[in-house]
PDB file of N, CA and C in Angstrom:
ATOM      1  N   UNK A   1     178.351 198.396 116.631  1.00  0.00           N
ATOM      2  CA  UNK A   1     178.978 198.205 116.368  1.00  0.00           C
ATOM      3  C   UNK A   1     179.878 197.523 115.080  1.00  0.00           C
ATOM      4  N   UNK A   2     180.242 198.414 113.985  1.00  0.00           N
ATOM      5  CA  UNK A   2     180.337 197.513 112.416  1.00  0.00           C
ATOM      6  C   UNK A   2     181.465 196.719 112.597  1.00  0.00           C
ATOM      7  N   UNK A   3     181.581 195.490 112.276  1.00  0.00           N
ATOM      8  CA  UNK A   3     182.704 194.569 112.331  1.00  0.00           C
ATOM      9  C   UNK A   3     183.294 195.456 110.540  1.00  0.00           C
ATOM     10  N   UNK A   4     184.395 194.854 110.453  1.00  0.00           N
ATOM     11  CA  UNK A   4     185.316 195.115 109.567  1.00  0.00           C
ATOM     12  C   UNK A   4     186.041 194.431 108.563  1.00  0.00           C
ATOM     13  N   UNK A   5     185.559 194.137 106.891  1.00  0.00           N
ATOM     14  CA  UNK A   5     186.589 192.552 106.383  1.00  0.00           C
ATOM     15  C   UNK A   5     187.891 192.577 106.654  1.00  0.00           C
ATOM     16  N   UNK A   6     188.288 191.610 106.299  1.00  0.00           N
ATOM     17  CA  UNK A   6     189.447 192.086 106.262  1.00  0.00           C
ATOM     18  C   UNK A   6     190.270 192.157 104.342  1.00  0.00           C
ATOM     19  N   UNK A   7     189.473 192.609 103.338  1.00  0.00           N
ATOM     20  CA  UNK A   7     189.561 192.917 102.519  1.00  0.00           C
ATOM     21  C   UNK A   7     189.252 193.947 102.790  1.00  0.00           C
ATOM     22  N   UNK A   8     188.781 194.869 103.428  1.00  0.00           N
ATOM     23  CA  UNK A   8     188.466 196.387 103.766  1.00  0.00           C
ATOM     24  C   UNK A   8     189.571 196.737 104.329  1.00  0.00           C
ATOM     25  N   UNK A   9     190.332 196.064 105.859  1.00  0.00           N
ATOM     26  CA  UNK A   9     191.894 196.515 105.970  1.00  0.00           C
ATOM     27  C   UNK A   9     193.488 196.413 105.054  1.00  0.00           C
ATOM     28  N   UNK A  10     192.942 195.877 103.873  1.00  0.00           N
ATOM     29  CA  UNK A  10     194.403 195.302 103.285  1.00  0.00           C
ATOM     30  C   UNK A  10     193.954 196.472 102.346  1.00  0.00           C
ATOM     31  N   UNK A  11     192.777 196.603 101.793  1.00  0.00           N
ATOM     32  CA  UNK A  11     193.004 197.830 100.926  1.00  0.00           C
ATOM     33  C   UNK A  11     193.859 199.392 101.859  1.00  0.00           C
ATOM     34  N   UNK A  12     192.745 199.629 102.227  1.00  0.00           N
ATOM     35  CA  UNK A  12     193.326 200.049 103.817  1.00  0.00           C
ATOM     36  C   UNK A  12     194.893 200.881 104.281  1.00  0.00           C
ATOM     37  N   UNK A  13     194.579 199.682 104.090  1.00  0.00           N
ATOM     38  CA  UNK A  13     196.892 199.515 103.963  1.00  0.00           C
ATOM     39  C   UNK A  13     197.694 199.539 103.005  1.00  0.00           C
ATOM     40  N   UNK A  14     196.799 199.233 101.851  1.00  0.00           N
ATOM     41  CA  UNK A  14     197.486 199.698 100.433  1.00  0.00           C
ATOM     42  C   UNK A  14     197.174 200.925 100.067  1.00  0.00           C
ATOM     43  N   UNK A  15     196.536 201.860 100.478  1.00  0.00           N
ATOM     44  CA  UNK A  15     196.263 203.113 100.110  1.00  0.00           C
ATOM     45  C   UNK A  15     197.225 203.823 101.681  1.00  0.00           C
ATOM     46  N   UNK A  16     197.565 203.500 102.285  1.00  0.00           N
ATOM     47  CA  UNK A  16     198.309 203.994 103.392  1.00  0.00           C
ATOM     48  C   UNK A  16     199.353 203.999 103.350  1.00  0.00           C
ATOM     49  N   UNK A  17     200.473 202.596 102.432  1.00  0.00           N
ATOM     50  CA  UNK A  17     201.743 203.774 102.267  1.00  0.00           C
ATOM     51  C   UNK A  17     201.710 203.545 101.254  1.00  0.00           C
ATOM     52  N   UNK A  18     201.128 203.338 100.358  1.00  0.00           N
ATOM     53  CA  UNK A  18     200.920 204.320  98.811  1.00  0.00           C
ATOM     54  C   UNK A  18     200.882 205.746  99.071  1.00  0.00           C
ATOM     55  N   UNK A  19     200.452 206.344 100.530  1.00  0.00           N
ATOM     56  CA  UNK A  19     200.664 208.015 100.162  1.00  0.00           C
ATOM     57  C   UNK A  19     201.897 208.212 101.365  1.00  0.00           C
ATOM     58  N   UNK A  20     202.479 207.302 101.982  1.00  0.00           N
ATOM     59  CA  UNK A  20     203.031 207.840 103.590  1.00  0.00           C
ATOM     60  C   UNK A  20     204.405 209.087 102.795  1.00  0.00           C
ATOM     61  N   UNK A  21     204.889 208.240 100.532  1.00  0.00           N
ATOM     62  CA  UNK A  21     205.671 209.058 100.606  1.00  0.00           C
ATOM     63  C   UNK A  21     204.997 209.811  99.823  1.00  0.00           C
ATOM     64  N   UNK A  22     203.274 210.419  99.349  1.00  0.00           N
ATOM     65  CA  UNK A  22     202.799 210.834  98.815  1.00  0.00           C
ATOM     66  C   UNK A  22     202.264 210.845  97.647  1.00  0.00           C
ATOM     67  N   UNK A  23     202.271 209.918  97.029  1.00  0.00           N
ATOM     68  CA  UNK A  23     201.826 209.715  95.467  1.00  0.00           C
ATOM     69  C   UNK A  23     202.159 208.107  95.174  1.00  0.00           C
ATOM     70  N   UNK A  24     202.063 207.887  94.272  1.00  0.00           N
ATOM     71  CA  UNK A  24     200.922 206.507  93.738  1.00  0.00           C
ATOM     72  C   UNK A  24     202.290 206.004  93.384  1.00  0.00           C
ATOM     73  N   UNK A  25     202.139 204.813  93.444  1.00  0.00           N
ATOM     74  CA  UNK A  25     202.858 203.332  93.362  1.00  0.00           C
ATOM     75  C   UNK A  25     203.842 204.168  91.269  1.00  0.00           C
ATOM     76  N   UNK A  26     203.880 204.860  90.622  1.00  0.00           N
ATOM     77  CA  UNK A  26     204.477 204.864  89.596  1.00  0.00           C
ATOM     78  C   UNK A  26     205.123 205.730  89.568  1.00  0.00           C
ATOM     79  N   UNK A  27     205.702 207.001  90.783  1.00  0.00           N
ATOM     80  CA  UNK A  27     205.961 207.740  91.323  1.00  0.00           C
ATOM     81  C   UNK A  27     207.066 207.694  90.689  1.00  0.00           C
ATOM     82  N   UNK A  28     208.491 208.499  91.196  1.00  0.00           N
ATOM     83  CA  UNK A  28     210.170 207.987  91.148  1.00  0.00           C
ATOM     84  C   UNK A  28     210.184 207.591  92.448  1.00  0.00           C
ATOM     85  N   UNK A  29     209.386 207.516  93.812  1.00  0.00           N
ATOM     86  CA  UNK A  29     209.376 206.650  94.813  1.00  0.00           C
ATOM     87  C   UNK A  29     211.019 205.433  94.637  1.00  0.00           C
ATOM     88  N   UNK A  30     211.594 205.629  95.032  1.00  0.00           N
ATOM     89  CA  UNK A  30     211.969 204.028  95.240  1.00  0.00           C
ATOM     90  C   UNK A  30     210.870 202.676  95.763  1.00  0.00           C
ATOM     91  N   UNK A  31     211.956 201.587  95.668  1.00  0.00           N
ATOM     92  CA  UNK A  31     211.571 201.051  95.816  1.00  0.00           C
ATOM     93  C   UNK A  31     211.570 199.619  97.159  1.00  0.00           C
ATOM     94  N   UNK A  32     210.823 199.801  97.817  1.00  0.00           N
ATOM     95  CA  UNK A  32     209.861 198.950  99.440  1.00  0.00           C
ATOM     96  C   UNK A  32     211.942 198.326  99.755  1.00  0.00           C
ATOM     97  N   UNK A  33     211.737 198.818 100.351  1.00  0.00           N
ATOM     98  CA  UNK A  33     213.964 198.665 101.164  1.00  0.00           C
ATOM     99  C   UNK A  33     214.275 199.048 100.990  1.00  0.00           C
ATOM    100  N   UNK A  34     214.652 200.074  99.489  1.00  0.00           N
ATOM    101  CA  UNK A  34     215.394 200.627  99.943  1.00  0.00           C
ATOM    102  C   UNK A  34     215.133 202.575  99.427  1.00  0.00           C
ATOM    103  N   UNK A  35     216.421 202.947 100.524  1.00  0.00           N
ATOM    104  CA  UNK A  35     216.785 203.990 101.378  1.00  0.00           C
ATOM    105  C   UNK A  35     215.851 205.055 100.160  1.00  0.00           C
ATOM    106  N   UNK A  36     214.573 205.854 101.674  1.00  0.00           N
ATOM    107  CA  UNK A  36     214.396 207.341 101.045  1.00  0.00           C
ATOM    108  C   UNK A  36     214.859 208.550 100.275  1.00  0.00           C
ATOM    109  N   UNK A  37     216.366 208.401 100.607  1.00  0.00           N
ATOM    110  CA  UNK A  37     217.235 209.323 100.480  1.00  0.00           C
ATOM    111  C   UNK A  37     217.831 210.110  99.489  1.00  0.00           C
ATOM    112  N   UNK A  38     217.391 210.485  98.397  1.00  0.00           N
ATOM    113  CA  UNK A  38     217.850 210.911  97.087  1.00  0.00           C
ATOM    114  C   UNK A  38     219.122 210.355  97.012  1.00  0.00           C
ATOM    115  N   UNK A  39     219.219 210.136  94.769  1.00  0.00           N
ATOM    116  CA  UNK A  39     220.595 209.189  95.058  1.00  0.00           C
ATOM    117  C   UNK A  39     220.959 208.170  96.332  1.00  0.00           C
ATOM    118  N   UNK A  40     220.458 207.515  96.310  1.00  0.00           N
ATOM    119  CA  UNK A  40     221.036 206.539  97.712  1.00  0.00           C
ATOM    120  C   UNK A  40     220.266 206.198  97.014  1.00  0.00           C
ATOM    121  N   UNK A  41     221.123 204.163  97.312  1.00  0.00           N
ATOM    122  CA  UNK A  41     220.370 202.663  96.614  1.00  0.00           C
ATOM    123  C   UNK A  41     220.606 201.876  96.858  1.00  0.00           C
ATOM    124  N   UNK A  42     221.338 202.701  98.632  1.00  0.00           N
ATOM    125  CA  UNK A  42     220.997 201.894 100.255  1.00  0.00           C
ATOM    126  C   UNK A  42     220.354 200.914 100.171  1.00  0.00           C
ATOM    127  N   UNK A  43     219.789 200.169 100.783  1.00  0.00           N
ATOM    128  CA  UNK A  43     219.192 198.910 101.404  1.00  0.00           C
ATOM    129  C   UNK A  43     218.799 199.731 102.801  1.00  0.00           C
ATOM    130  N   UNK A  44     217.862 200.441 103.156  1.00  0.00           N
ATOM    131  CA  UNK A  44     216.592 200.865 104.171  1.00  0.00           C
ATOM    132  C   UNK A  44     216.526 199.734 105.869  1.00  0.00           C
ATOM    133  N   UNK A  45     217.531 200.013 106.359  1.00  0.00           N
ATOM    134  CA  UNK A  45     217.419 199.573 107.577  1.00  0.00           C
ATOM    135  C   UNK A  45     217.352 200.607 108.629  1.00  0.00           C
ATOM    136  N   UNK A  46     217.083 201.098 108.761  1.00  0.00           N
ATOM    137  CA  UNK A  46     216.498 202.102 109.943  1.00  0.00           C
ATOM    138  C   UNK A  46     215.526 203.603 109.699  1.00  0.00           C
ATOM    139  N   UNK A  47     214.244 203.649 110.055  1.00  0.00           N
ATOM    140  CA  UNK A  47     213.758 204.843 110.027  1.00  0.00           C
ATOM    141  C   UNK A  47     214.251 205.705 111.098  1.00  0.00           C
ATOM    142  N   UNK A  48     213.372 206.288 110.352  1.00  0.00           N
ATOM    143  CA  UNK A  48     213.717 208.493 110.425  1.00  0.00           C
ATOM    144  C   UNK A  48     213.115 209.051 110.570  1.00  0.00           C
ATOM    145  N   UNK A  49     212.659 210.501 111.340  1.00  0.00           N
ATOM    146  CA  UNK A  49     211.850 212.137 110.803  1.00  0.00           C
ATOM    147  C   UNK A  49     211.438 211.985 108.784  1.00  0.00           C
ATOM    148  N   UNK A  50     212.393 211.541 108.765  1.00  0.00           N
ATOM    149  CA  UNK A  50     213.013 211.750 107.558  1.00  0.00           C
ATOM    150  C   UNK A  50     212.796 210.931 106.436  1.00  0.00           C
ATOM    151  N   UNK A  51     211.913 209.281 106.509  1.00  0.00           N
ATOM    152  CA  UNK A  51     211.857 208.260 106.248  1.00  0.00           C
ATOM    153  C   UNK A  51     212.210 206.887 106.648  1.00  0.00           C
ATOM    154  N   UNK A  52     212.283 205.720 105.859  1.00  0.00           N
ATOM    155  CA  UNK A  52     212.906 204.594 106.000  1.00  0.00           C
ATOM    156  C   UNK A  52     214.809 205.005 105.066  1.00  0.00           C
ATOM    157  N   UNK A  53     215.273 204.735 105.971  1.00  0.00           N
ATOM    158  CA  UNK A  53     216.504 205.381 105.670  1.00  0.00           C
ATOM    159  C   UNK A  53     217.906 203.802 105.616  1.00  0.00           C
ATOM    160  N   UNK A  54     218.962 203.977 104.377  1.00  0.00           N
ATOM    161  CA  UNK A  54     220.522 203.429 105.193  1.00  0.00           C
ATOM    162  C   UNK A  54     220.846 202.912 105.764  1.00  0.00           C
ATOM    163  N   UNK A  55     221.624 202.698 106.688  1.00  0.00           N
ATOM    164  CA  UNK A  55     222.364 203.458 108.362  1.00  0.00           C
ATOM    165  C   UNK A  55     223.249 204.441 107.867  1.00  0.00           C
ATOM    166  N   UNK A  56     223.997 204.614 106.402  1.00  0.00           N
ATOM    167  CA  UNK A  56     224.962 205.693 106.568  1.00  0.00           C
ATOM    168  C   UNK A  56     223.657 206.612 106.596  1.00  0.00           C
ATOM    169  N   UNK A  57     222.694 207.197 105.779  1.00  0.00           N
ATOM    170  CA  UNK A  57     222.304 208.351 105.468  1.00  0.00           C
ATOM    171  C   UNK A  57     221.669 208.313 106.977  1.00  0.00           C
ATOM    172  N   UNK A  58     221.367 207.789 107.926  1.00  0.00           N
ATOM    173  CA  UNK A  58     220.313 208.013 108.933  1.00  0.00           C
ATOM    174  C   UNK A  58     221.755 208.020 109.857  1.00  0.00           C
ATOM    175  N   UNK A  59     223.091 208.543 109.911  1.00  0.00           N
ATOM    176  CA  UNK A  59     223.873 209.371 110.685  1.00  0.00           C
ATOM    177  C   UNK A  59     224.439 210.487 110.413  1.00  0.00           C
ATOM    178  N   UNK A  60     224.378 210.449 108.990  1.00  0.00           N
ATOM    179  CA  UNK A  60     224.614 211.531 108.654  1.00  0.00           C
ATOM    180  C   UNK A  60     223.147 212.753 108.623  1.00  0.00           C
ATOM    181  N   UNK A  61     221.954 212.184 108.783  1.00  0.00           N
ATOM    182  CA  UNK A  61     220.837 212.871 109.714  1.00  0.00           C
ATOM    183  C   UNK A  61     220.787 213.561 110.781  1.00  0.00           C
ATOM    184  N   UNK A  62     221.144 212.082 111.535  1.00  0.00           N
ATOM    185  CA  UNK A  62     221.302 211.979 113.222  1.00  0.00           C
ATOM    186  C   UNK A  62     223.014 213.702 113.591  1.00  0.00           C
ATOM    187  N   UNK A  63     223.995 213.889 112.762  1.00  0.00           N
ATOM    188  CA  UNK A  63     224.709 214.358 112.257  1.00  0.00           C
ATOM    189  C   UNK A  63     224.402 216.162 112.601  1.00  0.00           C
ATOM    190  N   UNK A  64     223.291 215.910 110.932  1.00  0.00           N
ATOM    191  CA  UNK A  64     222.432 217.720 110.774  1.00  0.00           C
ATOM    192  C   UNK A  64     222.053 218.331 112.134  1.00  0.00           C
ATOM    193  N   UNK A  65     220.955 216.339 112.640  1.00  0.00           N
ATOM    194  CA  UNK A  65     220.139 217.152 113.610  1.00  0.00           C
ATOM    195  C   UNK A  65     220.844 217.745 114.812  1.00  0.00           C
ATOM    196  N   UNK A  66     221.956 217.266 114.836  1.00  0.00           N
ATOM    197  CA  UNK A  66     222.499 217.441 116.096  1.00  0.00           C
ATOM    198  C   UNK A  66     222.536 219.456 116.004  1.00  0.00           C
ATOM    199  N   UNK A  67     223.411 218.981 114.565  1.00  0.00           N
ATOM    200  CA  UNK A  67     224.516 220.307 113.872  1.00  0.00           C
ATOM    201  C   UNK A  67     223.020 221.719 114.608  1.00  0.00           C
ATOM    202  N   UNK A  68     221.549 221.527 114.162  1.00  0.00           N
ATOM    203  CA  UNK A  68     221.092 222.443 114.273  1.00  0.00           C
ATOM    204  C   UNK A  68     220.377 222.475 115.788  1.00  0.00           C
ATOM    205  N   UNK A  69     220.218 221.827 116.029  1.00  0.00           N
ATOM    206  CA  UNK A  69     220.527 221.903 117.053  1.00  0.00           C
ATOM    207  C   UNK A  69     221.473 222.665 118.567  1.00  0.00           C
ATOM    208  N   UNK A  70     222.887 222.441 118.169  1.00  0.00           N
ATOM    209  CA  UNK A  70     223.501 223.605 118.296  1.00  0.00           C
ATOM    210  C   UNK A  70     223.310 224.470 118.276  1.00  0.00           C
ATOM    211  N   UNK A  71     223.177 224.520 116.980  1.00  0.00           N
ATOM    212  CA  UNK A  71     222.862 226.008 116.213  1.00  0.00           C
ATOM    213  C   UNK A  71     221.596 226.989 117.231  1.00  0.00           C
ATOM    214  N   UNK A  72     220.479 226.496 117.693  1.00  0.00           N
ATOM    215  CA  UNK A  72     219.737 226.477 117.674  1.00  0.00           C
ATOM    216  C   UNK A  72     219.726 227.106 119.816  1.00  0.00           C
ATOM    217  N   UNK A  73     219.917 226.384 119.966  1.00  0.00           N
ATOM    218  CA  UNK A  73     220.467 226.380 121.284  1.00  0.00           C
ATOM    219  C   UNK A  73     221.956 227.967 121.536  1.00  0.00           C
ATOM    220  N   UNK A  74     222.309 227.748 120.688  1.00  0.00           N
ATOM    221  CA  UNK A  74     223.457 229.403 120.979  1.00  0.00           C
ATOM    222  C   UNK A  74     222.538 230.366 119.712  1.00  0.00           C
ATOM    223  N   UNK A  75     221.733 230.360 119.317  1.00  0.00           N
ATOM    224  CA  UNK A  75     221.083 231.425 118.733  1.00  0.00           C
ATOM    225  C   UNK A  75     220.130 231.314 119.732  1.00  0.00           C
ATOM    226  N   UNK A  76     219.119 230.806 121.241  1.00  0.00           N
ATOM    227  CA  UNK A  76     218.768 231.012 121.915  1.00  0.00           C
ATOM    228  C   UNK A  76     219.265 231.782 122.755  1.00  0.00           C
ATOM    229  N   UNK A  77     220.668 231.270 123.256  1.00  0.00           N
ATOM    230  CA  UNK A  77     221.807 231.903 124.659  1.00  0.00           C
ATOM    231  C   UNK A  77     221.583 233.362 124.032  1.00  0.00           C
ATOM    232  N   UNK A  78     222.093 233.366 122.750  1.00  0.00           N
ATOM    233  CA  UNK A  78     222.684 234.679 122.303  1.00  0.00           C
ATOM    234  C   UNK A  78     221.731 235.805 122.205  1.00  0.00           C
ATOM    235  N   UNK A  79     220.115 235.527 122.817  1.00  0.00           N
ATOM    236  CA  UNK A  79     219.127 236.385 122.868  1.00  0.00           C
ATOM    237  C   UNK A  79     218.887 236.644 124.149  1.00  0.00           C
ATOM    238  N   UNK A  80     219.022 235.998 124.779  1.00  0.00           N
ATOM    239  CA  UNK A  80     218.740 236.465 127.063  1.00  0.00           C
ATOM    240  C   UNK A  80     220.362 237.302 127.452  1.00  0.00           C
TER     241      UNK A  80
END
């Protein structure tokens, strides 16, 4: 088994962190630690399926997911 050097791991981590948002550091991605929600400048504190977001955006995402789940459930029950 080949030993991987520390520099390789650092460069891999840097590439992975740039690719999480699908772009390079020069695109319109928010600064590290800021909410990933467009037009929100809050400090990111929560990890969600939609990214690293502030508490307010996380609460809104939770409400949106719950509403979508209720609609899906109602649609499935209507077909039975």
